[in-house]
Amino acid sequence: MTSTIIYEGDLRTVARHLQSGTEIETDAPTDNQGKGERFSPTDLVATALGACMATTMGIKSRDMQVDLRGMKLSIQKIMKPDPRRIAGVHIIFDFPAGLQVDEKQRTILERTAHTCPVMYSIHPDMEVKVEFNWKVGAPAH
């Protein structure tokens, strides 16, 4: 088992990760009868995609001896009705100024992001738009 979820009523759940004991609370979004006081389940799907991309890039960058610490992802989820679903996710990567990576390393890291397990798991009809904003200094030698 990976997790347990308790429905607390009033459109709120509490998910508990069994290995670590950490918890995530969810609320229904305001556009779907909820309070929007927590991540919605669909927010978590979009956020999971970004976190997976960042994590796989982190693994690859560590192998390449590149420190991505401070990399920031901004995630926008796009919903569509009938049936209600996630139609798209827009992810913007902003890298720390002065990060020392060359063009080959950037290409490897970008390809790694696009091949993370969550990316492979989402429905092909979901449009994923990704922008990489590299604010690099001199190329690494």
N, C-alpha and C. Protein backbone atom coordinates (compact mmCIF):
# COMPACT_ATOMS: atom_id res chain seq x y z
N MET A 1 0.84 -1.19 0.00
CA MET A 1 0.00 0.00 0.00
C MET A 1 0.88 1.25 0.00
N THR A 2 0.44 2.25 -0.72
CA THR A 2 1.16 3.52 -0.81
C THR A 2 0.62 4.54 0.18
N SER A 3 -0.71 4.62 0.27
CA SER A 3 -1.32 5.66 1.09
C SER A 3 -2.71 5.25 1.53
N THR A 4 -3.24 6.03 2.47
CA THR A 4 -4.64 5.91 2.86
C THR A 4 -5.26 7.29 2.71
N ILE A 5 -6.56 7.32 2.46
CA ILE A 5 -7.28 8.58 2.35
C ILE A 5 -8.53 8.49 3.21
N ILE A 6 -8.72 9.51 4.02
CA ILE A 6 -9.92 9.64 4.84
C ILE A 6 -10.72 10.81 4.30
N TYR A 7 -12.00 10.57 4.01
CA TYR A 7 -12.90 11.66 3.63
C TYR A 7 -13.44 12.27 4.91
N GLU A 8 -13.15 13.54 5.14
CA GLU A 8 -13.53 14.22 6.37
C GLU A 8 -14.88 14.92 6.28
N GLY A 9 -15.50 14.87 5.12
CA GLY A 9 -16.75 15.59 4.91
C GLY A 9 -16.46 16.98 4.40
N ASP A 10 -17.49 17.68 3.99
CA ASP A 10 -17.38 19.05 3.48
C ASP A 10 -16.36 19.15 2.34
N LEU A 11 -16.28 18.07 1.53
CA LEU A 11 -15.44 18.01 0.33
C LEU A 11 -13.94 18.07 0.62
N ARG A 12 -13.54 17.62 1.80
CA ARG A 12 -12.13 17.60 2.20
C ARG A 12 -11.68 16.17 2.46
N THR A 13 -10.44 15.86 2.00
CA THR A 13 -9.82 14.57 2.31
C THR A 13 -8.48 14.80 2.98
N VAL A 14 -8.01 13.77 3.66
CA VAL A 14 -6.65 13.75 4.20
C VAL A 14 -5.99 12.47 3.71
N ALA A 15 -4.93 12.63 2.94
CA ALA A 15 -4.16 11.49 2.44
C ALA A 15 -2.92 11.34 3.31
N ARG A 16 -2.63 10.11 3.69
CA ARG A 16 -1.45 9.83 4.52
C ARG A 16 -0.54 8.88 3.77
N HIS A 17 0.71 9.31 3.57
CA HIS A 17 1.74 8.49 2.94
C HIS A 17 2.21 7.48 3.98
N LEU A 18 2.03 6.19 3.69
CA LEU A 18 2.28 5.18 4.71
C LEU A 18 3.75 5.04 5.09
N GLN A 19 4.66 5.18 4.14
CA GLN A 19 6.08 5.01 4.46
C GLN A 19 6.60 6.12 5.36
N SER A 20 6.20 7.36 5.10
CA SER A 20 6.76 8.50 5.85
C SER A 20 5.82 9.05 6.91
N GLY A 21 4.53 8.80 6.76
CA GLY A 21 3.56 9.36 7.69
C GLY A 21 3.14 10.79 7.37
N THR A 22 3.70 11.37 6.30
CA THR A 22 3.30 12.74 5.95
C THR A 22 1.88 12.75 5.42
N GLU A 23 1.25 13.92 5.54
CA GLU A 23 -0.14 14.05 5.13
C GLU A 23 -0.34 15.20 4.16
N ILE A 24 -1.31 15.03 3.28
CA ILE A 24 -1.74 16.08 2.35
C ILE A 24 -3.25 16.19 2.48
N GLU A 25 -3.73 17.40 2.72
CA GLU A 25 -5.17 17.64 2.75
C GLU A 25 -5.59 18.19 1.40
N THR A 26 -6.79 17.81 0.96
CA THR A 26 -7.33 18.36 -0.28
C THR A 26 -8.70 18.97 -0.01
N ASP A 27 -9.07 19.94 -0.82
CA ASP A 27 -10.40 20.53 -0.85
C ASP A 27 -10.86 20.54 -2.30
N ALA A 28 -12.16 20.51 -2.48
CA ALA A 28 -12.68 20.76 -3.81
C ALA A 28 -12.40 22.22 -4.16
N PRO A 29 -12.14 22.53 -5.43
CA PRO A 29 -11.87 23.91 -5.82
C PRO A 29 -13.16 24.75 -5.79
N THR A 30 -12.97 26.05 -5.73
CA THR A 30 -14.12 26.96 -5.65
C THR A 30 -15.01 26.87 -6.89
N ASP A 31 -14.45 26.48 -8.04
CA ASP A 31 -15.28 26.35 -9.24
C ASP A 31 -15.98 24.99 -9.32
N ASN A 32 -15.86 24.19 -8.26
CA ASN A 32 -16.55 22.90 -8.20
C ASN A 32 -17.11 22.64 -6.81
N GLN A 33 -17.78 23.66 -6.26
CA GLN A 33 -18.53 23.57 -5.02
C GLN A 33 -17.67 23.52 -3.76
N GLY A 34 -16.37 23.75 -3.87
CA GLY A 34 -15.50 23.66 -2.72
C GLY A 34 -15.06 25.00 -2.18
N LYS A 35 -14.26 24.94 -1.13
CA LYS A 35 -13.73 26.15 -0.49
C LYS A 35 -12.40 26.58 -1.10
N GLY A 36 -11.70 25.67 -1.74
CA GLY A 36 -10.41 26.01 -2.33
C GLY A 36 -9.36 26.38 -1.30
N GLU A 37 -9.47 25.81 -0.11
CA GLU A 37 -8.52 26.14 0.97
C GLU A 37 -7.28 25.26 0.96
N ARG A 38 -7.26 24.25 0.13
CA ARG A 38 -6.13 23.33 0.01
C ARG A 38 -5.97 23.00 -1.48
N PHE A 39 -4.92 22.25 -1.80
CA PHE A 39 -4.80 21.70 -3.15
C PHE A 39 -6.06 20.90 -3.44
N SER A 40 -6.54 20.98 -4.69
CA SER A 40 -7.61 20.07 -5.11
C SER A 40 -6.94 18.81 -5.66
N PRO A 41 -7.68 17.72 -5.80
CA PRO A 41 -7.07 16.53 -6.40
C PRO A 41 -6.48 16.80 -7.78
N THR A 42 -7.14 17.61 -8.60
CA THR A 42 -6.58 17.91 -9.92
C THR A 42 -5.35 18.81 -9.82
N ASP A 43 -5.31 19.68 -8.81
CA ASP A 43 -4.09 20.47 -8.57
C ASP A 43 -2.92 19.53 -8.29
N LEU A 44 -3.19 18.47 -7.52
CA LEU A 44 -2.13 17.53 -7.18
C LEU A 44 -1.60 16.80 -8.41
N VAL A 45 -2.49 16.49 -9.36
CA VAL A 45 -2.04 15.84 -10.59
C VAL A 45 -1.07 16.76 -11.35
N ALA A 46 -1.47 18.01 -11.53
CA ALA A 46 -0.61 18.97 -12.24
C ALA A 46 0.69 19.20 -11.48
N THR A 47 0.59 19.32 -10.17
CA THR A 47 1.76 19.54 -9.33
C THR A 47 2.67 18.32 -9.33
N ALA A 48 2.07 17.13 -9.33
CA ALA A 48 2.86 15.90 -9.37
C ALA A 48 3.68 15.83 -10.65
N LEU A 49 3.12 16.30 -11.77
CA LEU A 49 3.88 16.31 -13.01
C LEU A 49 5.12 17.19 -12.86
N GLY A 50 4.94 18.40 -12.34
CA GLY A 50 6.09 19.28 -12.15
C GLY A 50 7.11 18.71 -11.17
N ALA A 51 6.63 18.15 -10.07
CA ALA A 51 7.55 17.58 -9.08
C ALA A 51 8.32 16.40 -9.66
N CYS A 52 7.65 15.60 -10.47
CA CYS A 52 8.32 14.46 -11.10
C CYS A 52 9.38 14.93 -12.09
N MET A 53 9.04 15.95 -12.88
CA MET A 53 10.01 16.50 -13.83
C MET A 53 11.23 17.04 -13.09
N ALA A 54 10.99 17.79 -12.01
CA ALA A 54 12.09 18.36 -11.24
C ALA A 54 12.94 17.27 -10.59
N THR A 55 12.28 16.23 -10.08
CA THR A 55 13.01 15.15 -9.41
C THR A 55 13.88 14.37 -10.39
N THR A 56 13.33 14.03 -11.56
CA THR A 56 14.14 13.29 -12.52
C THR A 56 15.28 14.15 -13.05
N MET A 57 15.04 15.44 -13.22
CA MET A 57 16.13 16.35 -13.60
C MET A 57 17.18 16.40 -12.49
N GLY A 58 16.73 16.39 -11.25
CA GLY A 58 17.66 16.39 -10.12
C GLY A 58 18.54 15.16 -10.10
N ILE A 59 17.96 14.01 -10.39
CA ILE A 59 18.73 12.77 -10.46
C ILE A 59 19.78 12.86 -11.57
N LYS A 60 19.34 13.29 -12.75
CA LYS A 60 20.26 13.38 -13.89
C LYS A 60 21.33 14.45 -13.64
N SER A 61 20.92 15.59 -13.07
CA SER A 61 21.89 16.66 -12.84
C SER A 61 22.94 16.25 -11.82
N ARG A 62 22.54 15.46 -10.84
CA ARG A 62 23.51 14.96 -9.85
C ARG A 62 24.54 14.08 -10.53
N ASP A 63 24.08 13.22 -11.44
CA ASP A 63 25.00 12.37 -12.21
C ASP A 63 25.95 13.22 -13.05
N MET A 64 25.47 14.38 -13.52
CA MET A 64 26.26 15.28 -14.37
C MET A 64 27.07 16.28 -13.54
N GLN A 65 26.97 16.22 -12.23
CA GLN A 65 27.62 17.15 -11.31
C GLN A 65 27.20 18.60 -11.58
N VAL A 66 25.88 18.78 -11.78
CA VAL A 66 25.27 20.09 -11.96
C VAL A 66 24.31 20.29 -10.80
N ASP A 67 24.38 21.42 -10.13
CA ASP A 67 23.53 21.69 -8.97
C ASP A 67 22.33 22.54 -9.41
N LEU A 68 21.15 21.94 -9.40
CA LEU A 68 19.93 22.65 -9.80
C LEU A 68 19.21 23.29 -8.61
N ARG A 69 19.84 23.29 -7.47
CA ARG A 69 19.21 23.87 -6.28
C ARG A 69 18.74 25.30 -6.57
N GLY A 70 17.50 25.59 -6.21
CA GLY A 70 16.93 26.90 -6.46
C GLY A 70 16.10 26.96 -7.73
N MET A 71 16.10 25.88 -8.52
CA MET A 71 15.25 25.81 -9.70
C MET A 71 13.80 25.95 -9.23
N LYS A 72 13.03 26.79 -9.92
CA LYS A 72 11.64 27.03 -9.54
C LYS A 72 10.72 26.66 -10.70
N LEU A 73 9.65 25.94 -10.40
CA LEU A 73 8.65 25.59 -11.39
C LEU A 73 7.36 26.31 -11.04
N SER A 74 6.74 26.92 -12.03
CA SER A 74 5.42 27.52 -11.88
C SER A 74 4.46 26.68 -12.71
N ILE A 75 3.37 26.25 -12.10
CA ILE A 75 2.45 25.30 -12.71
C ILE A 75 1.08 25.95 -12.90
N GLN A 76 0.54 25.85 -14.09
CA GLN A 76 -0.83 26.29 -14.35
C GLN A 76 -1.62 25.09 -14.87
N LYS A 77 -2.72 24.82 -14.21
CA LYS A 77 -3.61 23.73 -14.61
C LYS A 77 -4.78 24.32 -15.37
N ILE A 78 -5.14 23.72 -16.50
CA ILE A 78 -6.26 24.19 -17.31
C ILE A 78 -7.34 23.11 -17.28
N MET A 79 -8.53 23.48 -16.81
CA MET A 79 -9.65 22.55 -16.70
C MET A 79 -10.62 22.76 -17.86
N LYS A 80 -11.32 21.68 -18.22
CA LYS A 80 -12.40 21.75 -19.22
C LYS A 80 -13.59 20.98 -18.67
N PRO A 81 -14.81 21.42 -19.07
CA PRO A 81 -16.01 20.72 -18.61
C PRO A 81 -16.44 19.60 -19.56
N ASP A 82 -17.38 18.81 -19.11
CA ASP A 82 -18.18 17.89 -19.92
C ASP A 82 -17.37 16.91 -20.75
N PRO A 83 -16.71 15.93 -20.19
CA PRO A 83 -16.64 15.71 -18.75
C PRO A 83 -15.55 16.59 -18.12
N ARG A 84 -15.77 16.96 -16.86
CA ARG A 84 -14.80 17.78 -16.14
C ARG A 84 -13.48 17.02 -16.07
N ARG A 85 -12.41 17.70 -16.52
CA ARG A 85 -11.10 17.03 -16.59
C ARG A 85 -9.99 18.07 -16.70
N ILE A 86 -8.76 17.61 -16.51
CA ILE A 86 -7.60 18.44 -16.75
C ILE A 86 -7.33 18.39 -18.25
N ALA A 87 -7.45 19.52 -18.91
CA ALA A 87 -7.21 19.58 -20.34
C ALA A 87 -5.77 19.90 -20.65
N GLY A 88 -5.09 20.59 -19.74
CA GLY A 88 -3.72 20.96 -20.00
C GLY A 88 -2.99 21.39 -18.76
N VAL A 89 -1.68 21.36 -18.86
CA VAL A 89 -0.79 21.83 -17.80
C VAL A 89 0.30 22.65 -18.47
N HIS A 90 0.54 23.82 -17.93
CA HIS A 90 1.62 24.69 -18.43
C HIS A 90 2.64 24.79 -17.30
N ILE A 91 3.88 24.42 -17.59
CA ILE A 91 4.94 24.44 -16.59
C ILE A 91 6.06 25.35 -17.08
N ILE A 92 6.45 26.28 -16.22
CA ILE A 92 7.56 27.18 -16.52
C ILE A 92 8.69 26.90 -15.53
N PHE A 93 9.84 26.55 -16.07
CA PHE A 93 11.04 26.33 -15.27
C PHE A 93 11.85 27.61 -15.27
N ASP A 94 12.21 28.09 -14.10
CA ASP A 94 13.13 29.21 -13.95
C ASP A 94 14.35 28.71 -13.19
N PHE A 95 15.50 28.87 -13.81
CA PHE A 95 16.74 28.37 -13.24
C PHE A 95 17.51 29.50 -12.57
N PRO A 96 18.29 29.17 -11.54
CA PRO A 96 19.06 30.20 -10.84
C PRO A 96 20.01 30.94 -11.79
N ALA A 97 20.13 32.22 -11.59
CA ALA A 97 21.08 33.02 -12.38
C ALA A 97 22.48 32.49 -12.13
N GLY A 98 23.27 32.42 -13.19
CA GLY A 98 24.65 31.99 -13.05
C GLY A 98 24.84 30.48 -13.03
N LEU A 99 23.77 29.72 -13.22
CA LEU A 99 23.90 28.26 -13.28
C LEU A 99 24.83 27.90 -14.44
N GLN A 100 25.84 27.11 -14.16
CA GLN A 100 26.85 26.78 -15.15
C GLN A 100 26.49 25.48 -15.88
N VAL A 101 25.77 25.61 -17.00
CA VAL A 101 25.45 24.47 -17.85
C VAL A 101 25.65 24.86 -19.30
N ASP A 102 26.12 23.91 -20.08
CA ASP A 102 26.29 24.18 -21.51
C ASP A 102 25.06 23.70 -22.28
N GLU A 103 25.07 23.90 -23.58
CA GLU A 103 23.90 23.56 -24.40
C GLU A 103 23.59 22.06 -24.35
N LYS A 104 24.61 21.23 -24.38
CA LYS A 104 24.40 19.78 -24.32
C LYS A 104 23.75 19.38 -22.99
N GLN A 105 24.23 19.94 -21.89
CA GLN A 105 23.66 19.64 -20.59
C GLN A 105 22.20 20.10 -20.50
N ARG A 106 21.92 21.29 -21.04
CA ARG A 106 20.54 21.79 -21.05
C ARG A 106 19.64 20.83 -21.83
N THR A 107 20.10 20.38 -22.99
CA THR A 107 19.32 19.46 -23.81
C THR A 107 19.05 18.15 -23.07
N ILE A 108 20.05 17.62 -22.43
CA ILE A 108 19.90 16.37 -21.67
C ILE A 108 18.88 16.56 -20.54
N LEU A 109 19.00 17.67 -19.81
CA LEU A 109 18.09 17.91 -18.69
C LEU A 109 16.66 18.14 -19.16
N GLU A 110 16.48 18.85 -20.25
CA GLU A 110 15.14 19.07 -20.79
C GLU A 110 14.52 17.76 -21.25
N ARG A 111 15.28 16.93 -21.94
CA ARG A 111 14.77 15.62 -22.37
C ARG A 111 14.42 14.75 -21.17
N THR A 112 15.23 14.83 -20.14
CA THR A 112 14.96 14.07 -18.92
C THR A 112 13.63 14.49 -18.32
N ALA A 113 13.37 15.78 -18.27
CA ALA A 113 12.09 16.28 -17.72
C ALA A 113 10.92 15.73 -18.50
N HIS A 114 11.04 15.72 -19.81
CA HIS A 114 9.93 15.27 -20.67
C HIS A 114 9.70 13.76 -20.62
N THR A 115 10.61 13.03 -20.00
CA THR A 115 10.47 11.57 -19.94
C THR A 115 10.30 11.05 -18.52
N CYS A 116 9.81 11.89 -17.63
CA CYS A 116 9.59 11.44 -16.25
C CYS A 116 8.39 10.48 -16.20
N PRO A 117 8.30 9.65 -15.17
CA PRO A 117 7.21 8.67 -15.08
C PRO A 117 5.80 9.28 -15.09
N VAL A 118 5.59 10.43 -14.48
CA VAL A 118 4.26 11.02 -14.50
C VAL A 118 3.91 11.48 -15.91
N MET A 119 4.86 12.04 -16.64
CA MET A 119 4.61 12.45 -18.02
C MET A 119 4.14 11.25 -18.84
N TYR A 120 4.79 10.11 -18.64
CA TYR A 120 4.41 8.90 -19.36
C TYR A 120 3.06 8.35 -18.90
N SER A 121 2.58 8.79 -17.75
CA SER A 121 1.35 8.25 -17.17
C SER A 121 0.10 9.08 -17.47
N ILE A 122 0.28 10.30 -17.90
CA ILE A 122 -0.89 11.15 -18.15
C ILE A 122 -1.51 10.82 -19.51
N HIS A 123 -2.77 11.14 -19.64
CA HIS A 123 -3.50 10.84 -20.87
C HIS A 123 -2.93 11.66 -22.02
N PRO A 124 -2.78 11.04 -23.19
CA PRO A 124 -2.18 11.77 -24.33
C PRO A 124 -3.01 12.97 -24.80
N ASP A 125 -4.30 13.02 -24.45
CA ASP A 125 -5.12 14.18 -24.83
C ASP A 125 -4.83 15.41 -23.97
N MET A 126 -4.14 15.21 -22.84
CA MET A 126 -3.81 16.35 -21.99
C MET A 126 -2.65 17.11 -22.62
N GLU A 127 -2.86 18.38 -22.90
CA GLU A 127 -1.81 19.19 -23.51
C GLU A 127 -0.84 19.67 -22.44
N VAL A 128 0.43 19.36 -22.63
CA VAL A 128 1.46 19.79 -21.69
C VAL A 128 2.38 20.76 -22.42
N LYS A 129 2.45 21.98 -21.90
CA LYS A 129 3.33 23.01 -22.46
C LYS A 129 4.42 23.27 -21.43
N VAL A 130 5.67 23.21 -21.85
CA VAL A 130 6.79 23.39 -20.93
C VAL A 130 7.71 24.47 -21.47
N GLU A 131 8.08 25.40 -20.61
CA GLU A 131 9.06 26.44 -20.96
C GLU A 131 10.24 26.31 -20.01
N PHE A 132 11.44 26.36 -20.58
CA PHE A 132 12.67 26.32 -19.79
C PHE A 132 13.34 27.68 -19.90
N ASN A 133 13.41 28.41 -18.81
CA ASN A 133 14.06 29.72 -18.79
C ASN A 133 15.43 29.57 -18.14
N TRP A 134 16.43 29.33 -18.98
CA TRP A 134 17.81 29.18 -18.50
C TRP A 134 18.42 30.57 -18.38
N LYS A 135 18.83 30.93 -17.20
CA LYS A 135 19.52 32.22 -16.97
C LYS A 135 20.97 31.91 -16.68
N VAL A 136 21.64 31.40 -17.69
CA VAL A 136 22.99 30.90 -17.47
C VAL A 136 24.04 31.96 -17.70
N GLY A 137 25.13 31.77 -16.99
CA GLY A 137 26.31 32.61 -17.19
C GLY A 137 27.14 31.99 -18.29
N ALA A 138 28.43 32.04 -18.13
CA ALA A 138 29.34 31.45 -19.13
C ALA A 138 29.14 29.94 -19.16
N PRO A 139 29.21 29.33 -20.34
CA PRO A 139 29.06 27.89 -20.44
C PRO A 139 30.12 27.17 -19.60
N ALA A 140 29.72 26.01 -19.06
CA ALA A 140 30.65 25.20 -18.27
C ALA A 140 31.72 24.62 -19.21
N HIS A 141 32.91 24.45 -18.69
CA HIS A 141 34.00 23.87 -19.51
C HIS A 141 34.43 22.56 -18.93
